Amino acid sequence: MGEEVLTEEELSLFTGTIDYHRLTMGSLNCTDGVAHVATKGKAFWLIDAIASYQTNKIREQYPFQKWILEVENEKGLLCMFDTDNNKVIQQKIPYTDFPLKEITFYLTNNVLLLPSEN
């Protein structure tokens, strides 16, 4: 039997968190939903990519961040948007096998969460 694939439907079931998870070397905490994405979607690299941009300057200037990964033809585009929906950061991902076409995260108070967990 094949491995189960991460789906958008299951992500909508995460509505809050019981625990916070430290999935990176930095000070970024993640909710249960984000930990699920990292584990089932084999996307620890994605959490690391977001964490790598969290300098003091970025955190101070953008206390709320929206991160979107778009995937097409096994290539990704990871972007950060501010509260006015202005694109602040863009990173091309030359190859990814991430199973969803798109995923959105919010980052606030050093916690990365899914929109349904807000």
C-alpha atoms as a PDB file:
ATOM      1  CA  MET A   1       0.000   0.000   0.000  1.00  0.00           C
ATOM      2  CA  GLY A   2       1.308   3.463  -0.926  1.00  0.00           C
ATOM      3  CA  GLU A   3       2.076   6.310   1.409  1.00  0.00           C
ATOM      4  CA  GLU A   4      -0.719   8.735   2.211  1.00  0.00           C
ATOM      5  CA  VAL A   5      -0.341  12.181   0.666  1.00  0.00           C
ATOM      6  CA  LEU A   6      -0.969  15.473   2.423  1.00  0.00           C
ATOM      7  CA  THR A   7      -4.289  17.038   1.388  1.00  0.00           C
ATOM      8  CA  GLU A   8      -5.835  20.497   1.705  1.00  0.00           C
ATOM      9  CA  GLU A   9      -8.964  18.977   3.269  1.00  0.00           C
ATOM     10  CA  GLU A  10      -7.077  17.583   6.249  1.00  0.00           C
ATOM     11  CA  LEU A  11      -5.304  20.904   6.830  1.00  0.00           C
ATOM     12  CA  SER A  12      -8.656  22.645   7.301  1.00  0.00           C
ATOM     13  CA  LEU A  13      -9.256  20.376  10.324  1.00  0.00           C
ATOM     14  CA  PHE A  14      -6.522  22.162  12.278  1.00  0.00           C
ATOM     15  CA  THR A  15      -8.274  24.944  14.212  1.00  0.00           C
ATOM     16  CA  GLY A  16      -5.930  25.965  16.969  1.00  0.00           C
ATOM     17  CA  THR A  17      -3.081  24.063  18.535  1.00  0.00           C
ATOM     18  CA  ILE A  18      -2.477  21.972  21.620  1.00  0.00           C
ATOM     19  CA  ASP A  19       1.316  22.172  21.534  1.00  0.00           C
ATOM     20  CA  TYR A  20       3.992  24.371  20.039  1.00  0.00           C
ATOM     21  CA  HIS A  21       6.838  22.655  18.220  1.00  0.00           C
ATOM     22  CA  ARG A  22      10.405  23.822  17.652  1.00  0.00           C
ATOM     23  CA  LEU A  23      11.120  22.474  14.164  1.00  0.00           C
ATOM     24  CA  THR A  24      14.110  24.680  13.375  1.00  0.00           C
ATOM     25  CA  MET A  25      17.350  25.731  15.004  1.00  0.00           C
ATOM     26  CA  GLY A  26      16.036  29.283  15.491  1.00  0.00           C
ATOM     27  CA  SER A  27      13.455  30.719  17.843  1.00  0.00           C
ATOM     28  CA  LEU A  28      10.511  29.938  15.557  1.00  0.00           C
ATOM     29  CA  ASN A  29       7.695  27.871  17.059  1.00  0.00           C
ATOM     30  CA  CYS A  30       5.168  25.975  14.970  1.00  0.00           C
ATOM     31  CA  THR A  31       1.615  24.837  15.651  1.00  0.00           C
ATOM     32  CA  ASP A  32       0.300  21.282  15.413  1.00  0.00           C
ATOM     33  CA  GLY A  33      -0.909  21.950  11.857  1.00  0.00           C
ATOM     34  CA  VAL A  34       2.478  23.200  10.679  1.00  0.00           C
ATOM     35  CA  ALA A  35       4.185  20.232  12.349  1.00  0.00           C
ATOM     36  CA  HIS A  36       1.757  17.982  10.440  1.00  0.00           C
ATOM     37  CA  VAL A  37       2.649  19.684   7.142  1.00  0.00           C
ATOM     38  CA  ALA A  38       6.365  19.307   7.869  1.00  0.00           C
ATOM     39  CA  THR A  39       6.041  15.642   8.762  1.00  0.00           C
ATOM     40  CA  LYS A  40       3.407  14.292   6.358  1.00  0.00           C
ATOM     41  CA  GLY A  41       4.344  16.639   3.525  1.00  0.00           C
ATOM     42  CA  LYS A  42       8.072  16.021   4.047  1.00  0.00           C
ATOM     43  CA  ALA A  43       8.470  19.776   4.226  1.00  0.00           C
ATOM     44  CA  PHE A  44      10.902  20.494   7.036  1.00  0.00           C
ATOM     45  CA  TRP A  45      12.891  22.297   4.331  1.00  0.00           C
ATOM     46  CA  LEU A  46       9.966  24.705   3.865  1.00  0.00           C
ATOM     47  CA  ILE A  47       9.825  25.567   7.563  1.00  0.00           C
ATOM     48  CA  ASP A  48      13.610  26.047   7.530  1.00  0.00           C
ATOM     49  CA  ALA A  49      13.336  28.347   4.503  1.00  0.00           C
ATOM     50  CA  ILE A  50      10.803  30.576   6.279  1.00  0.00           C
ATOM     51  CA  ALA A  51      12.859  30.532   9.489  1.00  0.00           C
ATOM     52  CA  SER A  52      16.000  31.535   7.588  1.00  0.00           C
ATOM     53  CA  TYR A  53      14.469  34.942   6.794  1.00  0.00           C
ATOM     54  CA  GLN A  54      13.606  35.759  10.407  1.00  0.00           C
ATOM     55  CA  THR A  55      16.258  38.330  11.171  1.00  0.00           C
ATOM     56  CA  ASN A  56      15.628  40.893  13.899  1.00  0.00           C
ATOM     57  CA  LYS A  57      15.068  43.542  11.215  1.00  0.00           C
ATOM     58  CA  ILE A  58      12.439  41.474   9.367  1.00  0.00           C
ATOM     59  CA  ARG A  59      10.614  40.571  12.595  1.00  0.00           C
ATOM     60  CA  GLU A  60      10.548  44.192  13.752  1.00  0.00           C
ATOM     61  CA  GLN A  61       9.485  45.591  10.396  1.00  0.00           C
ATOM     62  CA  TYR A  62       6.924  42.844   9.688  1.00  0.00           C
ATOM     63  CA  PRO A  63       5.428  41.549  12.958  1.00  0.00           C
ATOM     64  CA  PHE A  64       2.740  39.755  10.916  1.00  0.00           C
ATOM     65  CA  GLN A  65       3.828  37.862   7.815  1.00  0.00           C
ATOM     66  CA  LYS A  66       1.926  35.815   5.268  1.00  0.00           C
ATOM     67  CA  TRP A  67       3.988  33.133   3.511  1.00  0.00           C
ATOM     68  CA  ILE A  68       2.761  31.384   0.380  1.00  0.00           C
ATOM     69  CA  LEU A  69       4.396  28.505  -1.448  1.00  0.00           C
ATOM     70  CA  GLU A  70       3.130  27.917  -4.992  1.00  0.00           C
ATOM     71  CA  VAL A  71       4.176  24.735  -6.791  1.00  0.00           C
ATOM     72  CA  GLU A  72       4.015  24.085 -10.521  1.00  0.00           C
ATOM     73  CA  ASN A  73       5.900  21.467 -12.547  1.00  0.00           C
ATOM     74  CA  GLU A  74       7.978  20.468  -9.499  1.00  0.00           C
ATOM     75  CA  LYS A  75       9.230  24.045  -9.077  1.00  0.00           C
ATOM     76  CA  GLY A  76       8.247  26.318  -6.261  1.00  0.00           C
ATOM     77  CA  LEU A  77       7.945  29.987  -5.514  1.00  0.00           C
ATOM     78  CA  LEU A  78       8.012  31.000  -1.855  1.00  0.00           C
ATOM     79  CA  CYS A  79       6.880  34.555  -1.093  1.00  0.00           C
ATOM     80  CA  MET A  80       6.348  36.632   2.017  1.00  0.00           C
ATOM     81  CA  PHE A  81       3.687  39.347   2.100  1.00  0.00           C
ATOM     82  CA  ASP A  82       3.130  42.119   4.622  1.00  0.00           C
ATOM     83  CA  THR A  83      -0.208  43.149   6.147  1.00  0.00           C
ATOM     84  CA  ASP A  84      -1.014  45.259   3.056  1.00  0.00           C
ATOM     85  CA  ASN A  85      -0.402  42.202   0.831  1.00  0.00           C
ATOM     86  CA  ASN A  86       2.803  43.684  -0.606  1.00  0.00           C
ATOM     87  CA  LYS A  87       5.346  41.086  -1.662  1.00  0.00           C
ATOM     88  CA  VAL A  88       8.437  41.569   0.501  1.00  0.00           C
ATOM     89  CA  ILE A  89      10.470  38.397  -0.130  1.00  0.00           C
ATOM     90  CA  GLN A  90      10.527  35.997  -3.059  1.00  0.00           C
ATOM     91  CA  GLN A  91      12.559  32.803  -3.325  1.00  0.00           C
ATOM     92  CA  LYS A  92      12.547  30.425  -6.278  1.00  0.00           C
ATOM     93  CA  ILE A  93      12.713  26.749  -5.377  1.00  0.00           C
ATOM     94  CA  PRO A  94      14.344  24.909  -8.319  1.00  0.00           C
ATOM     95  CA  TYR A  95      12.866  21.529  -7.355  1.00  0.00           C
ATOM     96  CA  THR A  96      10.212  20.362  -4.916  1.00  0.00           C
ATOM     97  CA  ASP A  97       8.042  17.302  -4.531  1.00  0.00           C
ATOM     98  CA  PHE A  98       5.717  19.111  -2.126  1.00  0.00           C
ATOM     99  CA  PRO A  99       2.304  17.472  -2.676  1.00  0.00           C
ATOM    100  CA  LEU A 100       0.080  20.584  -2.707  1.00  0.00           C
ATOM    101  CA  LYS A 101      -0.137  23.211  -5.450  1.00  0.00           C
ATOM    102  CA  GLU A 102      -0.237  25.961  -2.841  1.00  0.00           C
ATOM    103  CA  ILE A 103       0.011  26.414   0.893  1.00  0.00           C
ATOM    104  CA  THR A 104      -0.250  29.506   3.080  1.00  0.00           C
ATOM    105  CA  PHE A 105       1.225  30.122   6.522  1.00  0.00           C
ATOM    106  CA  TYR A 106       0.967  33.056   8.890  1.00  0.00           C
ATOM    107  CA  LEU A 107       3.819  34.092  11.133  1.00  0.00           C
ATOM    108  CA  THR A 108       3.225  36.252  14.189  1.00  0.00           C
ATOM    109  CA  ASN A 109       4.892  36.421  17.620  1.00  0.00           C
ATOM    110  CA  ASN A 110       7.498  33.896  16.395  1.00  0.00           C
ATOM    111  CA  VAL A 111       4.754  31.302  15.799  1.00  0.00           C
ATOM    112  CA  LEU A 112       4.196  29.809  12.349  1.00  0.00           C
ATOM    113  CA  LEU A 113       0.608  28.660  11.859  1.00  0.00           C
ATOM    114  CA  LEU A 114      -1.916  27.617   9.249  1.00  0.00           C
ATOM    115  CA  PRO A 115      -4.664  30.135   8.392  1.00  0.00           C
ATOM    116  CA  SER A 116      -7.285  27.789   9.908  1.00  0.00           C
ATOM    117  CA  GLU A 117      -5.366  27.915  13.225  1.00  0.00           C
ATOM    118  CA  ASN A 118      -5.608  31.709  13.452  1.00  0.00           C
END
